[in-house]
């Protein structure tokens, strides 16, 4: 009895999974390119901001200590 229920649950899970995969809308090439450029630019900008904050803190601490 438990084996039948387990098999039914697995079958139901994979049926639902297949239905959810059909709902996925993949971006086209142009949108993918634009979003990739946006992510790269955002990562570079955040890296520059973190580097600037690090440099300011380093200069400030060296002024306080030294």
N, C-alpha and C. Protein backbone atom coordinates (compact mmCIF):
# COMPACT_ATOMS: atom_id res chain seq x y z
N UNK A 1 0.82 -1.19 0.00
CA UNK A 1 0.00 0.00 0.00
C UNK A 1 0.87 1.26 0.00
N UNK A 2 1.88 1.28 0.85
CA UNK A 2 2.76 2.45 0.92
C UNK A 2 3.54 2.62 -0.37
N UNK A 3 3.90 1.52 -1.00
CA UNK A 3 4.66 1.57 -2.24
C UNK A 3 3.83 2.22 -3.35
N UNK A 4 2.54 1.89 -3.43
CA UNK A 4 1.66 2.48 -4.44
C UNK A 4 1.50 3.97 -4.22
N UNK A 5 1.37 4.36 -2.96
CA UNK A 5 1.21 5.77 -2.63
C UNK A 5 2.49 6.54 -2.97
N UNK A 6 3.63 5.95 -2.66
CA UNK A 6 4.92 6.57 -2.96
C UNK A 6 5.10 6.73 -4.47
N UNK A 7 4.74 5.72 -5.23
CA UNK A 7 4.84 5.77 -6.69
C UNK A 7 3.92 6.85 -7.24
N UNK A 8 2.72 6.96 -6.69
CA UNK A 8 1.77 7.97 -7.14
C UNK A 8 2.29 9.37 -6.83
N UNK A 9 2.92 9.55 -5.66
CA UNK A 9 3.48 10.84 -5.31
C UNK A 9 4.62 11.22 -6.25
N UNK A 10 5.48 10.26 -6.58
CA UNK A 10 6.58 10.54 -7.50
C UNK A 10 6.05 10.91 -8.87
N UNK A 11 5.05 10.17 -9.32
CA UNK A 11 4.47 10.44 -10.63
C UNK A 11 3.83 11.83 -10.63
N UNK A 12 3.13 12.17 -9.56
CA UNK A 12 2.50 13.47 -9.45
C UNK A 12 3.56 14.58 -9.43
N UNK A 13 4.64 14.35 -8.70
CA UNK A 13 5.71 15.35 -8.61
C UNK A 13 6.29 15.64 -9.99
N UNK A 14 6.60 14.59 -10.74
CA UNK A 14 7.21 14.79 -12.04
C UNK A 14 6.23 15.37 -13.05
N UNK A 15 4.96 15.05 -12.91
CA UNK A 15 3.94 15.65 -13.77
C UNK A 15 3.86 17.15 -13.52
N UNK A 16 3.84 17.52 -12.25
CA UNK A 16 3.80 18.95 -11.89
C UNK A 16 5.07 19.66 -12.32
N UNK A 17 6.20 19.00 -12.18
CA UNK A 17 7.47 19.58 -12.59
C UNK A 17 7.47 19.87 -14.09
N UNK A 18 6.98 18.91 -14.86
CA UNK A 18 6.91 19.07 -16.31
C UNK A 18 5.99 20.24 -16.67
N UNK A 19 4.88 20.37 -15.96
CA UNK A 19 3.94 21.47 -16.21
C UNK A 19 4.59 22.82 -15.90
N UNK A 20 5.36 22.88 -14.83
CA UNK A 20 6.03 24.13 -14.47
C UNK A 20 7.11 24.49 -15.49
N UNK A 21 7.83 23.51 -16.01
CA UNK A 21 8.85 23.79 -17.01
C UNK A 21 8.24 24.33 -18.30
N UNK A 22 7.02 23.95 -18.59
CA UNK A 22 6.35 24.48 -19.79
C UNK A 22 6.03 25.97 -19.64
N UNK A 23 5.93 26.46 -18.40
CA UNK A 23 5.60 27.87 -18.15
C UNK A 23 6.79 28.80 -18.27
N UNK A 24 8.00 28.26 -18.34
CA UNK A 24 9.20 29.08 -18.39
C UNK A 24 9.26 29.84 -19.71
N UNK A 25 9.54 31.14 -19.61
CA UNK A 25 9.70 31.96 -20.81
C UNK A 25 11.17 32.39 -20.85
N UNK A 26 11.91 31.89 -21.81
CA UNK A 26 13.33 32.19 -21.92
C UNK A 26 13.51 33.50 -22.67
N UNK A 27 14.48 34.34 -22.27
CA UNK A 27 14.69 35.62 -22.95
C UNK A 27 15.30 35.40 -24.34
N UNK A 28 15.02 36.36 -25.23
CA UNK A 28 15.63 36.27 -26.55
C UNK A 28 17.06 36.79 -26.48
N UNK A 29 17.77 36.69 -27.59
CA UNK A 29 19.19 37.01 -27.61
C UNK A 29 19.46 38.47 -27.26
N UNK A 30 18.65 39.38 -27.78
CA UNK A 30 18.85 40.82 -27.54
C UNK A 30 18.67 41.15 -26.05
N UNK A 31 17.61 40.64 -25.46
CA UNK A 31 17.34 40.90 -24.04
C UNK A 31 18.43 40.28 -23.16
N UNK A 32 18.86 39.09 -23.51
CA UNK A 32 19.91 38.43 -22.75
C UNK A 32 21.21 39.24 -22.80
N UNK A 33 21.53 39.78 -23.97
CA UNK A 33 22.73 40.61 -24.11
C UNK A 33 22.64 41.88 -23.28
N UNK A 34 21.48 42.54 -23.33
CA UNK A 34 21.29 43.78 -22.55
C UNK A 34 21.40 43.52 -21.05
N UNK A 35 20.77 42.43 -20.60
CA UNK A 35 20.81 42.11 -19.17
C UNK A 35 22.21 41.71 -18.73
N UNK A 36 22.94 41.02 -19.59
CA UNK A 36 24.31 40.62 -19.25
C UNK A 36 25.20 41.86 -19.11
N UNK A 37 25.06 42.80 -20.03
CA UNK A 37 25.84 44.04 -19.95
C UNK A 37 25.48 44.81 -18.68
N UNK A 38 24.20 44.86 -18.35
CA UNK A 38 23.77 45.56 -17.14
C UNK A 38 24.37 44.92 -15.89
N UNK A 39 24.40 43.61 -15.83
CA UNK A 39 24.96 42.91 -14.67
C UNK A 39 26.46 43.17 -14.57
N UNK A 40 27.16 43.11 -15.70
CA UNK A 40 28.61 43.35 -15.68
C UNK A 40 28.91 44.78 -15.25
N UNK A 41 28.17 45.75 -15.79
CA UNK A 41 28.39 47.15 -15.40
C UNK A 41 28.09 47.38 -13.92
N UNK A 42 27.03 46.76 -13.42
CA UNK A 42 26.69 46.91 -12.01
C UNK A 42 27.78 46.30 -11.13
N UNK A 43 28.32 45.15 -11.52
CA UNK A 43 29.38 44.51 -10.75
C UNK A 43 30.64 45.37 -10.73
N UNK A 44 30.97 45.94 -11.88
CA UNK A 44 32.16 46.81 -11.95
C UNK A 44 31.94 48.06 -11.10
N UNK A 45 30.75 48.66 -11.19
CA UNK A 45 30.47 49.86 -10.41
C UNK A 45 30.54 49.58 -8.91
N UNK A 46 29.97 48.48 -8.47
CA UNK A 46 30.02 48.13 -7.04
C UNK A 46 31.46 47.85 -6.62
N UNK A 47 32.24 47.21 -7.49
CA UNK A 47 33.65 46.97 -7.18
C UNK A 47 34.42 48.26 -7.02
N UNK A 48 34.16 49.24 -7.88
CA UNK A 48 34.83 50.54 -7.79
C UNK A 48 34.42 51.25 -6.50
N UNK A 49 33.15 51.19 -6.16
CA UNK A 49 32.68 51.84 -4.93
C UNK A 49 33.33 51.20 -3.71
N UNK A 50 33.40 49.88 -3.67
CA UNK A 50 34.03 49.19 -2.54
C UNK A 50 35.51 49.52 -2.47
N UNK A 51 36.18 49.58 -3.62
CA UNK A 51 37.61 49.93 -3.64
C UNK A 51 37.82 51.35 -3.14
N UNK A 52 36.94 52.27 -3.52
CA UNK A 52 37.06 53.66 -3.06
C UNK A 52 36.85 53.76 -1.56
N UNK A 53 35.86 53.06 -1.03
CA UNK A 53 35.61 53.07 0.42
C UNK A 53 36.80 52.47 1.15
N UNK A 54 37.36 51.40 0.62
CA UNK A 54 38.52 50.76 1.23
C UNK A 54 39.71 51.72 1.25
N UNK A 55 39.93 52.41 0.14
CA UNK A 55 41.06 53.35 0.06
C UNK A 55 40.88 54.50 1.05
N UNK A 56 39.65 55.05 1.14
CA UNK A 56 39.38 56.14 2.08
C UNK A 56 39.60 55.67 3.51
N UNK A 57 39.16 54.48 3.84
CA UNK A 57 39.35 53.96 5.19
C UNK A 57 40.83 53.73 5.48
N UNK A 58 41.56 53.24 4.48
CA UNK A 58 42.99 52.99 4.66
C UNK A 58 43.74 54.30 4.90
N UNK A 59 43.43 55.31 4.12
CA UNK A 59 44.07 56.61 4.30
C UNK A 59 43.68 57.21 5.64
N UNK A 60 42.42 57.11 6.00
CA UNK A 60 41.97 57.66 7.29
C UNK A 60 42.61 56.96 8.47
N UNK A 61 42.69 55.64 8.43
CA UNK A 61 43.30 54.93 9.54
C UNK A 61 44.81 55.18 9.62
N UNK A 62 45.47 55.28 8.48
CA UNK A 62 46.91 55.58 8.52
C UNK A 62 47.16 56.99 9.05
N UNK A 63 46.23 57.91 8.80
CA UNK A 63 46.34 59.28 9.34
C UNK A 63 46.15 59.26 10.85
N UNK A 64 45.18 58.48 11.33
CA UNK A 64 44.89 58.41 12.76
C UNK A 64 46.04 57.71 13.49
N UNK A 65 46.51 56.58 12.95
CA UNK A 65 47.53 55.79 13.61
C UNK A 65 48.91 56.43 13.48
N UNK A 66 49.23 56.89 12.29
CA UNK A 66 50.59 57.35 12.04
C UNK A 66 50.69 58.80 12.12
